[in-house]
Amino acid sequence: MLRSGLTGRTITRGEIYWTQDDVIVFPTQRLPNEPERTMHEGRPIVVLQTDLDNSNPAYRIVLVAPISHRVQFKDDKDVKLTAGQGGLPQDSLVHLGLIQPILKTELGRLIGKLDPITMSDMDAVAAANLGLSERPSAPSI
């Protein structure tokens, strides 16, 4: 059974939350000649951290990946979600090359949760990003 952690609510791996957009770091924005990032009111993120750590009140951070609706910029470090997956209203990308910690208290409203098959796909891409496995091949169309 999961316990509520620091925030007083249960945080589960695969859940998608809103967070303030300025909480998320996009390192490419620090490169010269990059256009300034348009800040939004909020941004969806997906929780990647284990439920054991999520429920530990002494562990105040949670590992997340930012989600974007700009699917035209997909690369092999991302996983595409279709509208409706995890409660998202439009096709989106999970940027697994940008996994980062945020404070559990920075999680906003729960949007939804991804299914186990999608989480398995994300695990494979994240492992490849870290050099722990071969990069999964793109599905044939």
Protein backbone atom coordinates (compact mmCIF):
# COMPACT_ATOMS: atom_id res chain seq x y z
CA MET A 1 0.00 0.00 0.00
CA LEU A 2 1.26 3.46 -0.90
CA ARG A 3 1.64 6.06 1.83
CA SER A 4 1.17 9.75 1.36
CA GLY A 5 4.49 11.55 1.33
CA LEU A 6 5.55 15.10 2.13
CA THR A 7 2.68 16.65 0.19
CA GLY A 8 -0.03 14.75 2.05
CA ARG A 9 -1.14 13.06 -1.15
CA THR A 10 -0.14 9.86 -2.86
CA ILE A 11 2.15 10.40 -5.86
CA THR A 12 2.33 7.46 -8.26
CA ARG A 13 4.78 6.69 -11.05
CA GLY A 14 3.20 7.42 -14.45
CA GLU A 15 0.91 10.17 -13.20
CA ILE A 16 0.79 13.40 -15.17
CA TYR A 17 0.58 16.67 -13.24
CA TRP A 18 0.57 20.36 -14.00
CA THR A 19 3.49 22.36 -12.64
CA GLN A 20 4.56 25.97 -13.01
CA ASP A 21 6.44 26.32 -16.30
CA ASP A 22 9.38 28.13 -14.69
CA VAL A 23 10.11 25.05 -12.54
CA ILE A 24 11.21 23.09 -15.62
CA VAL A 25 14.69 23.62 -17.05
CA PHE A 26 15.39 23.54 -20.78
CA PRO A 27 19.21 23.79 -20.93
CA THR A 28 19.30 24.68 -24.64
CA GLN A 29 17.85 28.07 -23.71
CA ARG A 30 21.28 28.98 -22.32
CA LEU A 31 22.92 28.54 -25.74
CA PRO A 32 23.83 31.69 -27.69
CA ASN A 33 21.39 32.72 -30.41
CA GLU A 34 18.57 30.53 -29.06
CA PRO A 35 15.19 32.25 -29.18
CA GLU A 36 13.85 33.20 -25.78
CA ARG A 37 11.57 30.57 -24.33
CA THR A 38 7.90 31.43 -24.20
CA MET A 39 6.77 30.84 -20.64
CA HIS A 40 3.35 29.30 -20.18
CA GLU A 41 1.15 29.41 -17.12
CA GLY A 42 1.80 25.73 -16.53
CA ARG A 43 3.31 22.65 -18.11
CA PRO A 44 2.37 18.98 -17.85
CA ILE A 45 5.03 16.65 -16.47
CA VAL A 46 5.06 12.88 -15.94
CA VAL A 47 6.36 11.26 -12.75
CA LEU A 48 9.13 8.72 -13.47
CA GLN A 49 10.36 8.01 -9.96
CA THR A 50 9.55 4.80 -8.08
CA ASP A 51 6.50 4.69 -5.85
CA LEU A 52 8.74 3.74 -2.91
CA ASP A 53 10.56 7.08 -3.18
CA ASN A 54 7.35 8.93 -4.02
CA SER A 55 5.77 7.79 -0.75
CA ASN A 56 8.83 8.53 1.42
CA PRO A 57 8.20 11.82 3.27
CA ALA A 58 11.95 12.25 3.85
CA TYR A 59 12.56 12.28 0.08
CA ARG A 60 11.34 15.74 -0.91
CA ILE A 61 12.01 15.60 -4.64
CA VAL A 62 10.41 13.69 -7.48
CA LEU A 63 11.97 12.83 -10.86
CA VAL A 64 9.86 14.00 -13.76
CA ALA A 65 10.01 14.54 -17.51
CA PRO A 66 8.43 17.59 -19.13
CA ILE A 67 5.69 17.19 -21.72
CA SER A 68 5.22 19.45 -24.76
CA HIS A 69 2.52 19.70 -27.41
CA ARG A 70 5.13 20.61 -30.05
CA VAL A 71 5.26 17.13 -31.59
CA GLN A 72 6.98 18.38 -34.73
CA PHE A 73 10.23 18.50 -32.73
CA LYS A 74 10.25 14.79 -31.76
CA ASP A 75 13.63 13.07 -31.66
CA ASP A 76 14.71 9.61 -30.49
CA LYS A 77 14.99 10.81 -26.87
CA ASP A 78 11.23 11.47 -26.77
CA VAL A 79 8.06 9.38 -26.57
CA LYS A 80 4.98 10.58 -28.43
CA LEU A 81 1.61 10.45 -26.71
CA THR A 82 -1.66 10.69 -28.60
CA ALA A 83 -4.52 12.93 -27.53
CA GLY A 84 -6.36 11.34 -24.62
CA GLN A 85 -3.41 9.37 -23.24
CA GLY A 86 -2.96 10.22 -19.59
CA GLY A 87 -5.75 12.78 -19.82
CA LEU A 88 -3.81 15.05 -22.21
CA PRO A 89 -6.06 16.98 -24.61
CA GLN A 90 -3.71 16.85 -27.62
CA ASP A 91 -0.84 14.87 -29.12
CA SER A 92 2.25 15.50 -26.98
CA LEU A 93 5.89 14.57 -26.45
CA VAL A 94 7.47 13.33 -23.24
CA HIS A 95 11.01 14.75 -23.27
CA LEU A 96 12.95 11.88 -21.70
CA GLY A 97 16.23 13.59 -22.52
CA LEU A 98 15.20 16.25 -19.97
CA ILE A 99 14.48 14.10 -16.90
CA GLN A 100 14.93 16.34 -13.86
CA PRO A 101 14.11 16.64 -10.18
CA ILE A 102 11.49 19.01 -8.85
CA LEU A 103 10.13 19.41 -5.36
CA LYS A 104 7.10 17.28 -4.59
CA THR A 105 5.38 20.44 -3.41
CA GLU A 106 5.71 21.85 -6.96
CA LEU A 107 3.30 19.24 -8.34
CA GLY A 108 0.03 20.92 -9.21
CA ARG A 109 -3.27 19.45 -10.35
CA LEU A 110 -3.35 15.78 -11.35
CA ILE A 111 -4.20 15.44 -15.05
CA GLY A 112 -4.21 11.65 -15.42
CA LYS A 113 -2.04 8.56 -15.53
CA LEU A 114 -0.23 6.71 -18.31
CA ASP A 115 -0.88 3.02 -18.92
CA PRO A 116 1.77 0.34 -18.16
CA ILE A 117 2.60 -0.26 -21.85
CA THR A 118 3.39 3.43 -22.42
CA MET A 119 5.47 3.48 -19.22
CA SER A 120 7.39 0.45 -20.48
CA ASP A 121 8.08 2.26 -23.75
CA MET A 122 9.32 5.27 -21.77
CA ASP A 123 11.52 3.04 -19.61
CA ALA A 124 13.19 1.66 -22.75
CA VAL A 125 13.88 5.11 -24.16
CA ALA A 126 15.14 6.45 -20.81
CA ALA A 127 17.47 3.44 -20.40
CA ALA A 128 18.84 4.01 -23.91
CA ASN A 129 19.34 7.71 -23.14
CA LEU A 130 21.53 6.66 -20.20
CA GLY A 131 23.44 4.08 -22.23
CA LEU A 132 21.98 1.18 -20.24
CA SER A 133 20.47 -0.49 -23.31
CA GLU A 134 20.23 -0.18 -27.07
CA ARG A 135 17.93 2.50 -28.41
CA PRO A 136 14.56 0.99 -29.34
CA SER A 137 13.86 0.99 -33.04
CA ALA A 138 11.08 3.19 -34.32
CA PRO A 139 7.86 1.34 -35.10
CA SER A 140 7.35 0.76 -38.80
CA ILE A 141 4.47 2.59 -40.37
